[in-house]
Amino acid sequence: MSRHLQREIDNLKKKLLVMGSVVEDMVYLATKSVINRDGRMAKDIITRDPEVDEMEVEIEEDCLKILALHQPVAVDLRFIIAVLKINSDLERVGDLAVNIAERAIYLADQKNVFFAEITAEMALKVENMLSQSIDSLVNMDVPLAHRVRAEDDKVDELNRDMYARLKEELIAHPQDINCLLHTLSVGRHLERMADHATNIAEDVVYLVEAEIVRHTPEVFKD
């Protein structure tokens, strides 16, 4: 690998990490705004969405420039492909954080906020998955990437539990339908975030081992 290409790749990695840090912060604050019923915090998160969009475009343009100028092969080519996909996943997580913030603005004015405990548990798992997926990329850590994949099923289970309990609440308290539906949306958005974190982890496995595992169930044992 030429020195110039190495510099371009190192710079690309730095930009992706900055974007990941911004998105992680948005996810944390979005769920916090729901649990604490903080509409002002939620509005602040929404204003950060254009920043993430700009990062995504810049990283994509950098990837395309590297492909055109350097024609990388082998692991360098896999790295650029992985960054393109991870870049898209991070941007989508940022969008989902904005969606949660929009739900938080509505819920902040409601008397009843349902299932704050299970929402907090889901949020914590998703935040950890996102953080670990990015760490696995930085350190080329395949075992960590597999741990992230294994966590996805737990988030799915929590989301199903929330859905079942919301159905019971809706039958018991139909007057709270709007609040319940917004709460359900928060759970659905968190579940989608977990899917994107899993995508990132799978891209790390592809990057390091040149193996596509997205259609392979994860069976991970501590």
C-alpha atoms as a PDB file:
ATOM      1  CA  MET A   1       0.000   0.000   0.000  1.00  0.00           C
ATOM      2  CA  SER A   2       1.328   3.459  -0.910  1.00  0.00           C
ATOM      3  CA  ARG A   3       1.817   6.056   1.814  1.00  0.00           C
ATOM      4  CA  HIS A   4      -0.749   8.291   0.182  1.00  0.00           C
ATOM      5  CA  LEU A   5      -3.370   5.558   0.185  1.00  0.00           C
ATOM      6  CA  GLN A   6      -2.573   4.763   3.821  1.00  0.00           C
ATOM      7  CA  ARG A   7      -3.100   8.417   4.745  1.00  0.00           C
ATOM      8  CA  GLU A   8      -6.422   8.471   2.904  1.00  0.00           C
ATOM      9  CA  ILE A   9      -7.589   5.325   4.690  1.00  0.00           C
ATOM     10  CA  ASP A  10      -6.472   6.610   8.091  1.00  0.00           C
ATOM     11  CA  ASN A  11      -8.300   9.885   7.462  1.00  0.00           C
ATOM     12  CA  LEU A  12     -11.396   7.979   6.391  1.00  0.00           C
ATOM     13  CA  LYS A  13     -11.335   5.929   9.570  1.00  0.00           C
ATOM     14  CA  LYS A  14     -11.051   9.084  11.687  1.00  0.00           C
ATOM     15  CA  LYS A  15     -14.039  10.664   9.960  1.00  0.00           C
ATOM     16  CA  LEU A  16     -16.106   7.516  10.446  1.00  0.00           C
ATOM     17  CA  LEU A  17     -15.235   7.437  14.150  1.00  0.00           C
ATOM     18  CA  VAL A  18     -16.248  11.073  14.580  1.00  0.00           C
ATOM     19  CA  MET A  19     -19.554  10.327  12.877  1.00  0.00           C
ATOM     20  CA  GLY A  20     -20.040   7.264  15.069  1.00  0.00           C
ATOM     21  CA  SER A  21     -19.412   9.335  18.199  1.00  0.00           C
ATOM     22  CA  VAL A  22     -21.967  11.947  17.144  1.00  0.00           C
ATOM     23  CA  VAL A  23     -24.575   9.295  16.355  1.00  0.00           C
ATOM     24  CA  GLU A  24     -23.941   7.470  19.654  1.00  0.00           C
ATOM     25  CA  ASP A  25     -24.521  10.737  21.504  1.00  0.00           C
ATOM     26  CA  MET A  26     -27.755  11.350  19.598  1.00  0.00           C
ATOM     27  CA  VAL A  27     -29.048   7.889  20.480  1.00  0.00           C
ATOM     28  CA  TYR A  28     -28.213   8.337  24.163  1.00  0.00           C
ATOM     29  CA  LEU A  29     -29.860  11.761  24.371  1.00  0.00           C
ATOM     30  CA  ALA A  30     -32.906  10.699  22.344  1.00  0.00           C
ATOM     31  CA  THR A  31     -33.775   7.834  24.683  1.00  0.00           C
ATOM     32  CA  LYS A  32     -32.945  10.002  27.692  1.00  0.00           C
ATOM     33  CA  SER A  33     -35.364  12.647  26.425  1.00  0.00           C
ATOM     34  CA  VAL A  34     -38.119  10.000  26.259  1.00  0.00           C
ATOM     35  CA  ILE A  35     -37.485   8.594  29.719  1.00  0.00           C
ATOM     36  CA  ASN A  36     -37.072  12.033  31.342  1.00  0.00           C
ATOM     37  CA  ARG A  37     -39.878  13.588  29.279  1.00  0.00           C
ATOM     38  CA  ASP A  38     -37.538  16.356  28.185  1.00  0.00           C
ATOM     39  CA  GLY A  39     -38.941  18.047  25.101  1.00  0.00           C
ATOM     40  CA  ARG A  40     -36.185  20.665  24.934  1.00  0.00           C
ATOM     41  CA  MET A  41     -33.485  17.998  24.769  1.00  0.00           C
ATOM     42  CA  ALA A  42     -35.452  16.211  22.061  1.00  0.00           C
ATOM     43  CA  LYS A  43     -35.648  19.374  19.943  1.00  0.00           C
ATOM     44  CA  ASP A  44     -31.873  19.858  20.255  1.00  0.00           C
ATOM     45  CA  ILE A  45     -31.316  16.348  18.879  1.00  0.00           C
ATOM     46  CA  ILE A  46     -33.427  17.074  15.810  1.00  0.00           C
ATOM     47  CA  THR A  47     -31.255  20.084  14.942  1.00  0.00           C
ATOM     48  CA  ARG A  48     -28.179  17.801  14.769  1.00  0.00           C
ATOM     49  CA  ASP A  49     -29.521  15.656  11.940  1.00  0.00           C
ATOM     50  CA  PRO A  50     -28.096  17.844   9.113  1.00  0.00           C
ATOM     51  CA  GLU A  51     -24.633  17.498  10.685  1.00  0.00           C
ATOM     52  CA  VAL A  52     -24.807  13.706  10.347  1.00  0.00           C
ATOM     53  CA  ASP A  53     -26.151  13.983   6.796  1.00  0.00           C
ATOM     54  CA  GLU A  54     -23.193  16.169   5.818  1.00  0.00           C
ATOM     55  CA  MET A  55     -20.756  13.678   7.360  1.00  0.00           C
ATOM     56  CA  GLU A  56     -22.340  10.832   5.433  1.00  0.00           C
ATOM     57  CA  VAL A  57     -22.006  12.654   2.109  1.00  0.00           C
ATOM     58  CA  GLU A  58     -18.383  13.646   2.811  1.00  0.00           C
ATOM     59  CA  ILE A  59     -17.369  10.098   3.774  1.00  0.00           C
ATOM     60  CA  GLU A  60     -19.083   8.634   0.713  1.00  0.00           C
ATOM     61  CA  GLU A  61     -17.323  11.113  -1.556  1.00  0.00           C
ATOM     62  CA  ASP A  62     -13.980  10.257   0.058  1.00  0.00           C
ATOM     63  CA  CYS A  63     -14.600   6.546  -0.526  1.00  0.00           C
ATOM     64  CA  LEU A  64     -15.436   7.101  -4.181  1.00  0.00           C
ATOM     65  CA  LYS A  65     -12.351   9.270  -4.637  1.00  0.00           C
ATOM     66  CA  ILE A  66     -10.117   6.563  -3.152  1.00  0.00           C
ATOM     67  CA  LEU A  67     -11.676   3.938  -5.403  1.00  0.00           C
ATOM     68  CA  ALA A  68     -11.150   6.105  -8.479  1.00  0.00           C
ATOM     69  CA  LEU A  69      -7.609   7.293  -7.729  1.00  0.00           C
ATOM     70  CA  HIS A  70      -6.011   4.286  -6.035  1.00  0.00           C
ATOM     71  CA  GLN A  71      -7.997   1.266  -7.257  1.00  0.00           C
ATOM     72  CA  PRO A  72      -7.423  -0.598  -3.959  1.00  0.00           C
ATOM     73  CA  VAL A  73      -7.473  -4.396  -3.831  1.00  0.00           C
ATOM     74  CA  ALA A  74      -7.837  -7.148  -1.223  1.00  0.00           C
ATOM     75  CA  VAL A  75      -8.212  -5.889   2.355  1.00  0.00           C
ATOM     76  CA  ASP A  76      -8.025  -2.221   1.309  1.00  0.00           C
ATOM     77  CA  LEU A  77     -10.895  -2.716  -1.121  1.00  0.00           C
ATOM     78  CA  ARG A  78     -12.917  -4.555   1.521  1.00  0.00           C
ATOM     79  CA  PHE A  79     -12.266  -1.689   3.928  1.00  0.00           C
ATOM     80  CA  ILE A  80     -13.665   0.898   1.514  1.00  0.00           C
ATOM     81  CA  ILE A  81     -16.720  -1.290   0.809  1.00  0.00           C
ATOM     82  CA  ALA A  82     -17.280  -1.771   4.540  1.00  0.00           C
ATOM     83  CA  VAL A  83     -16.964   1.962   5.224  1.00  0.00           C
ATOM     84  CA  LEU A  84     -19.528   2.755   2.536  1.00  0.00           C
ATOM     85  CA  LYS A  85     -22.016   0.374   4.140  1.00  0.00           C
ATOM     86  CA  ILE A  86     -21.237   1.392   7.738  1.00  0.00           C
ATOM     87  CA  ASN A  87     -21.518   5.049   6.772  1.00  0.00           C
ATOM     88  CA  SER A  88     -25.044   4.409   5.525  1.00  0.00           C
ATOM     89  CA  ASP A  89     -25.969   2.457   8.665  1.00  0.00           C
ATOM     90  CA  LEU A  90     -24.738   5.236  10.952  1.00  0.00           C
ATOM     91  CA  GLU A  91     -26.695   7.858   9.032  1.00  0.00           C
ATOM     92  CA  ARG A  92     -29.822   5.743   9.353  1.00  0.00           C
ATOM     93  CA  VAL A  93     -29.270   5.352  13.112  1.00  0.00           C
ATOM     94  CA  GLY A  94     -29.072   9.136  13.309  1.00  0.00           C
ATOM     95  CA  ASP A  95     -32.412   9.357  11.501  1.00  0.00           C
ATOM     96  CA  LEU A  96     -33.922   6.872  13.954  1.00  0.00           C
ATOM     97  CA  ALA A  97     -32.621   8.932  16.882  1.00  0.00           C
ATOM     98  CA  VAL A  98     -34.453  11.918  15.389  1.00  0.00           C
ATOM     99  CA  ASN A  99     -37.607   9.801  15.078  1.00  0.00           C
ATOM    100  CA  ILE A 100     -37.360   8.894  18.761  1.00  0.00           C
ATOM    101  CA  ALA A 101     -36.813  12.555  19.641  1.00  0.00           C
ATOM    102  CA  GLU A 102     -39.986  13.441  17.757  1.00  0.00           C
ATOM    103  CA  ARG A 103     -41.892  10.868  19.817  1.00  0.00           C
ATOM    104  CA  ALA A 104     -40.284  12.326  22.962  1.00  0.00           C
ATOM    105  CA  ILE A 105     -41.630  15.792  22.178  1.00  0.00           C
ATOM    106  CA  TYR A 106     -45.162  14.391  22.166  1.00  0.00           C
ATOM    107  CA  LEU A 107     -44.662  12.191  25.244  1.00  0.00           C
ATOM    108  CA  ALA A 108     -43.162  15.062  27.251  1.00  0.00           C
ATOM    109  CA  ASP A 109     -46.615  16.642  27.547  1.00  0.00           C
ATOM    110  CA  GLN A 110     -48.497  13.461  28.461  1.00  0.00           C
ATOM    111  CA  LYS A 111     -49.574  12.457  31.949  1.00  0.00           C
ATOM    112  CA  ASN A 112     -48.774   8.770  31.420  1.00  0.00           C
ATOM    113  CA  VAL A 113     -45.522   7.511  29.918  1.00  0.00           C
ATOM    114  CA  PHE A 114     -45.668   3.738  29.620  1.00  0.00           C
ATOM    115  CA  PHE A 115     -42.892   1.214  30.121  1.00  0.00           C
ATOM    116  CA  ALA A 116     -40.044   3.622  30.897  1.00  0.00           C
ATOM    117  CA  GLU A 117     -38.182   0.710  32.494  1.00  0.00           C
ATOM    118  CA  ILE A 118     -38.257  -1.592  29.475  1.00  0.00           C
ATOM    119  CA  THR A 119     -37.530   1.351  27.171  1.00  0.00           C
ATOM    120  CA  ALA A 120     -34.449   2.162  29.252  1.00  0.00           C
ATOM    121  CA  GLU A 121     -33.319  -1.481  29.143  1.00  0.00           C
ATOM    122  CA  MET A 122     -33.691  -1.623  25.363  1.00  0.00           C
ATOM    123  CA  ALA A 123     -31.909   1.703  24.983  1.00  0.00           C
ATOM    124  CA  LEU A 124     -28.959   0.551  27.088  1.00  0.00           C
ATOM    125  CA  LYS A 125     -28.543  -2.621  25.029  1.00  0.00           C
ATOM    126  CA  VAL A 126     -28.771  -0.701  21.770  1.00  0.00           C
ATOM    127  CA  GLU A 127     -26.257   1.921  22.929  1.00  0.00           C
ATOM    128  CA  ASN A 128     -23.843  -0.849  23.942  1.00  0.00           C
ATOM    129  CA  MET A 129     -24.320  -2.655  20.636  1.00  0.00           C
ATOM    130  CA  LEU A 130     -23.633   0.502  18.654  1.00  0.00           C
ATOM    131  CA  SER A 131     -20.564   1.384  20.718  1.00  0.00           C
ATOM    132  CA  GLN A 132     -19.167  -2.152  20.519  1.00  0.00           C
ATOM    133  CA  SER A 133     -19.799  -2.426  16.794  1.00  0.00           C
ATOM    134  CA  ILE A 134     -17.737   0.722  16.234  1.00  0.00           C
ATOM    135  CA  ASP A 135     -15.045  -0.559  18.636  1.00  0.00           C
ATOM    136  CA  SER A 136     -14.920  -3.813  16.696  1.00  0.00           C
ATOM    137  CA  LEU A 137     -14.240  -1.808  13.543  1.00  0.00           C
ATOM    138  CA  VAL A 138     -11.491   0.273  15.143  1.00  0.00           C
ATOM    139  CA  ASN A 139      -9.741  -2.775  16.584  1.00  0.00           C
ATOM    140  CA  MET A 140     -10.638  -5.225  13.800  1.00  0.00           C
ATOM    141  CA  ASP A 141     -12.101  -7.335  16.607  1.00  0.00           C
ATOM    142  CA  VAL A 142     -14.118 -10.196  15.100  1.00  0.00           C
ATOM    143  CA  PRO A 143     -15.077 -11.849  18.444  1.00  0.00           C
ATOM    144  CA  LEU A 144     -16.526  -8.520  19.607  1.00  0.00           C
ATOM    145  CA  ALA A 145     -18.427  -8.218  16.336  1.00  0.00           C
ATOM    146  CA  HIS A 146     -19.946 -11.654  16.940  1.00  0.00           C
ATOM    147  CA  ARG A 147     -20.985 -10.608  20.451  1.00  0.00           C
ATOM    148  CA  VAL A 148     -22.818  -7.656  18.955  1.00  0.00           C
ATOM    149  CA  ARG A 149     -24.648  -9.965  16.571  1.00  0.00           C
ATOM    150  CA  ALA A 150     -25.690 -12.203  19.466  1.00  0.00           C
ATOM    151  CA  GLU A 151     -27.195  -9.231  21.346  1.00  0.00           C
ATOM    152  CA  ASP A 152     -29.643  -8.488  18.546  1.00  0.00           C
ATOM    153  CA  ASP A 153     -31.926 -11.352  19.537  1.00  0.00           C
ATOM    154  CA  LYS A 154     -32.190  -9.951  23.074  1.00  0.00           C
ATOM    155  CA  VAL A 155     -33.331  -6.577  21.771  1.00  0.00           C
ATOM    156  CA  ASP A 156     -35.882  -8.315  19.538  1.00  0.00           C
ATOM    157  CA  GLU A 157     -37.183 -10.179  22.577  1.00  0.00           C
ATOM    158  CA  LEU A 158     -37.552  -6.973  24.588  1.00  0.00           C
ATOM    159  CA  ASN A 159     -39.377  -5.352  21.687  1.00  0.00           C
ATOM    160  CA  ARG A 160     -41.817  -8.277  21.477  1.00  0.00           C
ATOM    161  CA  ASP A 161     -42.368  -8.049  25.228  1.00  0.00           C
ATOM    162  CA  MET A 162     -43.113  -4.342  24.965  1.00  0.00           C
ATOM    163  CA  TYR A 163     -45.547  -4.960  22.112  1.00  0.00           C
ATOM    164  CA  ALA A 164     -47.438  -7.632  24.060  1.00  0.00           C
ATOM    165  CA  ARG A 165     -47.707  -5.440  27.142  1.00  0.00           C
ATOM    166  CA  LEU A 166     -48.810  -2.437  25.102  1.00  0.00           C
ATOM    167  CA  LYS A 167     -51.646  -4.500  23.633  1.00  0.00           C
ATOM    168  CA  GLU A 168     -52.817  -5.280  27.165  1.00  0.00           C
ATOM    169  CA  GLU A 169     -52.598  -1.604  28.140  1.00  0.00           C
ATOM    170  CA  LEU A 170     -54.546  -0.589  25.072  1.00  0.00           C
ATOM    171  CA  ILE A 171     -57.394  -2.931  25.995  1.00  0.00           C
ATOM    172  CA  ALA A 172     -57.389  -1.669  29.581  1.00  0.00           C
ATOM    173  CA  HIS A 173     -56.908   2.024  28.751  1.00  0.00           C
ATOM    174  CA  PRO A 174     -58.127   2.766  25.206  1.00  0.00           C
ATOM    175  CA  GLN A 175     -58.186   6.488  25.993  1.00  0.00           C
ATOM    176  CA  ASP A 176     -54.370   6.421  26.046  1.00  0.00           C
ATOM    177  CA  ILE A 177     -54.051   5.088  22.501  1.00  0.00           C
ATOM    178  CA  ASN A 178     -51.928   7.983  21.174  1.00  0.00           C
ATOM    179  CA  CYS A 179     -49.460   7.765  24.033  1.00  0.00           C
ATOM    180  CA  LEU A 180     -49.250   3.988  23.673  1.00  0.00           C
ATOM    181  CA  LEU A 181     -48.636   4.181  19.932  1.00  0.00           C
ATOM    182  CA  HIS A 182     -45.838   6.710  20.401  1.00  0.00           C
ATOM    183  CA  THR A 183     -44.277   4.425  22.996  1.00  0.00           C
ATOM    184  CA  LEU A 184     -44.561   1.503  20.575  1.00  0.00           C
ATOM    185  CA  SER A 185     -42.795   3.600  17.931  1.00  0.00           C
ATOM    186  CA  VAL A 186     -39.893   4.231  20.303  1.00  0.00           C
ATOM    187  CA  GLY A 187     -39.470   0.484  20.788  1.00  0.00           C
ATOM    188  CA  ARG A 188     -39.636  -0.157  17.055  1.00  0.00           C
ATOM    189  CA  HIS A 189     -37.018   2.501  16.337  1.00  0.00           C
ATOM    190  CA  LEU A 190     -34.696   1.071  19.002  1.00  0.00           C
ATOM    191  CA  GLU A 191     -35.100  -2.381  17.481  1.00  0.00           C
ATOM    192  CA  ARG A 192     -34.148  -0.992  14.061  1.00  0.00           C
ATOM    193  CA  MET A 193     -31.085   0.669  15.593  1.00  0.00           C
ATOM    194  CA  ALA A 194     -30.015  -2.721  16.910  1.00  0.00           C
ATOM    195  CA  ASP A 195     -30.369  -4.113  13.391  1.00  0.00           C
ATOM    196  CA  HIS A 196     -28.063  -1.413  12.034  1.00  0.00           C
ATOM    197  CA  ALA A 197     -25.507  -2.052  14.789  1.00  0.00           C
ATOM    198  CA  THR A 198     -25.645  -5.722  13.780  1.00  0.00           C
ATOM    199  CA  ASN A 199     -25.079  -4.744  10.153  1.00  0.00           C
ATOM    200  CA  ILE A 200     -21.942  -2.850  11.181  1.00  0.00           C
ATOM    201  CA  ALA A 201     -20.668  -5.864  13.128  1.00  0.00           C
ATOM    202  CA  GLU A 202     -21.289  -8.115  10.129  1.00  0.00           C
ATOM    203  CA  ASP A 203     -19.360  -5.717   7.916  1.00  0.00           C
ATOM    204  CA  VAL A 204     -16.435  -5.953  10.342  1.00  0.00           C
ATOM    205  CA  VAL A 205     -16.446  -9.743   9.992  1.00  0.00           C
ATOM    206  CA  TYR A 206     -16.456  -9.330   6.212  1.00  0.00           C
ATOM    207  CA  LEU A 207     -13.644  -6.785   6.378  1.00  0.00           C
ATOM    208  CA  VAL A 208     -11.351  -8.938   8.508  1.00  0.00           C
ATOM    209  CA  GLU A 209     -12.207 -12.442   7.340  1.00  0.00           C
ATOM    210  CA  ALA A 210     -13.708 -11.833   3.877  1.00  0.00           C
ATOM    211  CA  GLU A 211     -16.740 -13.815   5.026  1.00  0.00           C
ATOM    212  CA  ILE A 212     -20.364 -12.762   4.518  1.00  0.00           C
ATOM    213  CA  VAL A 213     -22.295 -13.759   7.656  1.00  0.00           C
ATOM    214  CA  ARG A 214     -25.465 -11.659   7.423  1.00  0.00           C
ATOM    215  CA  HIS A 215     -27.608 -14.704   6.577  1.00  0.00           C
ATOM    216  CA  THR A 216     -25.963 -16.909   9.184  1.00  0.00           C
ATOM    217  CA  PRO A 217     -27.570 -17.103  12.669  1.00  0.00           C
ATOM    218  CA  GLU A 218     -25.216 -16.057  15.430  1.00  0.00           C
ATOM    219  CA  VAL A 219     -24.562 -18.679  18.086  1.00  0.00           C
ATOM    220  CA  PHE A 220     -22.218 -17.055  20.578  1.00  0.00           C
ATOM    221  CA  LYS A 221     -21.168 -18.500  23.907  1.00  0.00           C
ATOM    222  CA  ASP A 222     -19.349 -16.527  26.583  1.00  0.00           C
END
